[in-house]
Each structure stands twice: as structure tokens, then as C-alpha cells.
Amino acid sequence: MDNQQHNNDTELHTGYNDLAQVEVSIQSAEKMVGSATMSLDPEAMDHAERAISNARSLLNDAKSAGTGLDTDFLQNCEMTLSQCEHQLSEARK
């Protein structure tokens, strides 16, 4: 029984790490988008686009892992990424 408990702890810890990684990647994408849209530098915009894509990929991985993850948190992540994408596409016009 002790071994089973240990496995559950590992899963919970991994789920938390996944969420933390998603959050950090989204914050990074937000900063890159902000910087790129202020400078209007095409290369910075490309980097920001990749950062958004990477963050969305991590978010989708976390969603599909579905270890009882906080749905409000996931919805907020989704909304933030959508806002980043919109901001970036507006700046490219």
C-alpha cells in the first residue's frame, strides 16, 4: 500500500509541474508579444509567434493529461493565448 501512495504523490507532483510549466510558457509568450508589438520588429514577432505556439502545445498536453487539472486555470490560459495571438496579428497588419 505504501508503494501505491508514493505513485499517487508522483502523479500529483507531475500535474502541478505541468501546470507551472504551462503558466511560465504563457507568461514568457505574453512578454515576447508585448515587446514585439511595441518594436514592430518582424523577427521579434516570429519569435513571439513560436512562443505562443509552444505555450499552446504545452497547454494542450496538460489538457490531454487531464489529471484533475483546474479547469478555470486552463480556460484562463486559453484566453490569454488567444489574446496574445490577436494582439500579434493586429500588430502585423
C-alpha atoms as a PDB file:
ATOM      1  CA  MET A   1       0.000   0.000   0.000  1.00  0.00           C
ATOM      2  CA  ASP A   2       2.877   2.327   0.771  1.00  0.00           C
ATOM      3  CA  ASN A   3       4.153   1.949  -2.798  1.00  0.00           C
ATOM      4  CA  GLN A   4       0.742   2.832  -4.251  1.00  0.00           C
ATOM      5  CA  GLN A   5       0.621   6.029  -2.181  1.00  0.00           C
ATOM      6  CA  HIS A   6       4.043   7.003  -3.475  1.00  0.00           C
ATOM      7  CA  ASN A   7       2.832   6.639  -7.085  1.00  0.00           C
ATOM      8  CA  ASN A   8      -0.150   8.907  -6.427  1.00  0.00           C
ATOM      9  CA  ASP A   9       2.120  11.573  -4.948  1.00  0.00           C
ATOM     10  CA  THR A  10       4.311  11.407  -8.037  1.00  0.00           C
ATOM     11  CA  GLU A  11       1.331  11.914 -10.342  1.00  0.00           C
ATOM     12  CA  LEU A  12       0.071  14.902  -8.376  1.00  0.00           C
ATOM     13  CA  HIS A  13       3.514  16.434  -8.340  1.00  0.00           C
ATOM     14  CA  THR A  14       3.869  15.933 -12.089  1.00  0.00           C
ATOM     15  CA  GLY A  15       0.457  17.506 -12.695  1.00  0.00           C
ATOM     16  CA  TYR A  16       1.499  20.549 -10.714  1.00  0.00           C
ATOM     17  CA  ASN A  17       4.788  20.764 -12.613  1.00  0.00           C
ATOM     18  CA  ASP A  18       2.877  20.598 -15.907  1.00  0.00           C
ATOM     19  CA  LEU A  19       0.657  23.494 -14.846  1.00  0.00           C
ATOM     20  CA  ALA A  20       3.628  25.515 -13.637  1.00  0.00           C
ATOM     21  CA  GLN A  21       5.383  24.901 -16.953  1.00  0.00           C
ATOM     22  CA  VAL A  22       2.270  25.979 -18.869  1.00  0.00           C
ATOM     23  CA  GLU A  23       1.990  29.135 -16.781  1.00  0.00           C
ATOM     24  CA  VAL A  24       5.653  30.076 -17.250  1.00  0.00           C
ATOM     25  CA  SER A  25       5.484  29.459 -21.009  1.00  0.00           C
ATOM     26  CA  ILE A  26       2.383  31.654 -21.317  1.00  0.00           C
ATOM     27  CA  GLN A  27       3.949  34.450 -19.277  1.00  0.00           C
ATOM     28  CA  SER A  28       7.008  34.250 -21.498  1.00  0.00           C
ATOM     29  CA  ALA A  29       4.849  34.397 -24.649  1.00  0.00           C
ATOM     30  CA  GLU A  30       2.953  37.412 -23.254  1.00  0.00           C
ATOM     31  CA  LYS A  31       6.206  39.297 -22.641  1.00  0.00           C
ATOM     32  CA  MET A  32       7.539  38.439 -26.090  1.00  0.00           C
ATOM     33  CA  VAL A  33       4.290  39.532 -27.755  1.00  0.00           C
ATOM     34  CA  GLY A  34       4.317  42.790 -25.798  1.00  0.00           C
ATOM     35  CA  SER A  35       7.898  43.512 -26.761  1.00  0.00           C
ATOM     36  CA  ALA A  36       7.384  42.503 -30.404  1.00  0.00           C
ATOM     37  CA  THR A  37       4.253  44.610 -30.836  1.00  0.00           C
ATOM     38  CA  MET A  38       5.948  47.650 -29.323  1.00  0.00           C
ATOM     39  CA  SER A  39       9.037  47.332 -31.518  1.00  0.00           C
ATOM     40  CA  LEU A  40       7.141  46.042 -34.580  1.00  0.00           C
ATOM     41  CA  ASP A  41      10.274  44.037 -35.369  1.00  0.00           C
ATOM     42  CA  PRO A  42       9.319  41.190 -37.758  1.00  0.00           C
ATOM     43  CA  GLU A  43      11.916  38.828 -36.266  1.00  0.00           C
ATOM     44  CA  ALA A  44      10.664  39.511 -32.732  1.00  0.00           C
ATOM     45  CA  MET A  45       7.125  38.840 -33.973  1.00  0.00           C
ATOM     46  CA  ASP A  46       8.237  35.480 -35.396  1.00  0.00           C
ATOM     47  CA  HIS A  47       9.820  34.570 -32.045  1.00  0.00           C
ATOM     48  CA  ALA A  48       6.646  35.634 -30.230  1.00  0.00           C
ATOM     49  CA  GLU A  49       4.564  33.511 -32.591  1.00  0.00           C
ATOM     50  CA  ARG A  50       6.748  30.488 -31.829  1.00  0.00           C
ATOM     51  CA  ALA A  51       6.473  31.187 -28.087  1.00  0.00           C
ATOM     52  CA  ILE A  52       2.671  31.240 -28.380  1.00  0.00           C
ATOM     53  CA  SER A  53       2.753  28.007 -30.358  1.00  0.00           C
ATOM     54  CA  ASN A  54       4.988  26.317 -27.768  1.00  0.00           C
ATOM     55  CA  ALA A  55       2.774  27.525 -24.912  1.00  0.00           C
ATOM     56  CA  ARG A  56      -0.350  26.273 -26.687  1.00  0.00           C
ATOM     57  CA  SER A  57       1.319  22.901 -27.239  1.00  0.00           C
ATOM     58  CA  LEU A  58       2.152  22.607 -23.520  1.00  0.00           C
ATOM     59  CA  LEU A  59      -1.386  23.675 -22.655  1.00  0.00           C
ATOM     60  CA  ASN A  60      -2.864  21.017 -24.948  1.00  0.00           C
ATOM     61  CA  ASP A  61      -0.549  18.383 -23.433  1.00  0.00           C
ATOM     62  CA  ALA A  62      -1.682  19.379 -19.939  1.00  0.00           C
ATOM     63  CA  LYS A  63      -5.331  19.237 -21.019  1.00  0.00           C
ATOM     64  CA  SER A  64      -4.965  15.778 -22.547  1.00  0.00           C
ATOM     65  CA  ALA A  65      -3.100  14.507 -19.461  1.00  0.00           C
ATOM     66  CA  GLY A  66      -6.212  15.625 -17.573  1.00  0.00           C
ATOM     67  CA  THR A  67      -5.021  14.747 -14.090  1.00  0.00           C
ATOM     68  CA  GLY A  68      -7.913  16.604 -12.447  1.00  0.00           C
ATOM     69  CA  LEU A  69      -6.482  19.882 -13.594  1.00  0.00           C
ATOM     70  CA  ASP A  70      -8.055  23.191 -12.617  1.00  0.00           C
ATOM     71  CA  THR A  71     -10.449  23.997 -15.468  1.00  0.00           C
ATOM     72  CA  ASP A  72     -10.646  27.713 -14.547  1.00  0.00           C
ATOM     73  CA  PHE A  73      -6.873  27.863 -14.806  1.00  0.00           C
ATOM     74  CA  LEU A  74      -6.926  26.122 -18.183  1.00  0.00           C
ATOM     75  CA  GLN A  75      -9.664  28.428 -19.500  1.00  0.00           C
ATOM     76  CA  ASN A  76      -7.672  31.470 -18.376  1.00  0.00           C
ATOM     77  CA  CYS A  77      -4.597  30.089 -20.128  1.00  0.00           C
ATOM     78  CA  GLU A  78      -6.614  29.563 -23.304  1.00  0.00           C
ATOM     79  CA  MET A  79      -7.990  33.109 -23.117  1.00  0.00           C
ATOM     80  CA  THR A  80      -4.555  34.631 -22.517  1.00  0.00           C
ATOM     81  CA  LEU A  81      -3.070  32.788 -25.501  1.00  0.00           C
ATOM     82  CA  SER A  82      -5.963  33.888 -27.709  1.00  0.00           C
ATOM     83  CA  GLN A  83      -5.398  37.497 -26.652  1.00  0.00           C
ATOM     84  CA  CYS A  84      -1.683  37.149 -27.435  1.00  0.00           C
ATOM     85  CA  GLU A  85      -2.471  35.757 -30.885  1.00  0.00           C
ATOM     86  CA  HIS A  86      -4.927  38.561 -31.559  1.00  0.00           C
ATOM     87  CA  GLN A  87      -2.505  41.233 -30.396  1.00  0.00           C
ATOM     88  CA  LEU A  88       0.222  39.801 -32.588  1.00  0.00           C
ATOM     89  CA  SER A  89      -1.996  39.532 -35.664  1.00  0.00           C
ATOM     90  CA  GLU A  90      -3.181  43.131 -35.199  1.00  0.00           C
ATOM     91  CA  ALA A  91       0.424  44.322 -34.970  1.00  0.00           C
ATOM     92  CA  ARG A  92       1.308  42.505 -38.193  1.00  0.00           C
ATOM     93  CA  LYS A  93      -1.332  44.419 -40.196  1.00  0.00           C
END
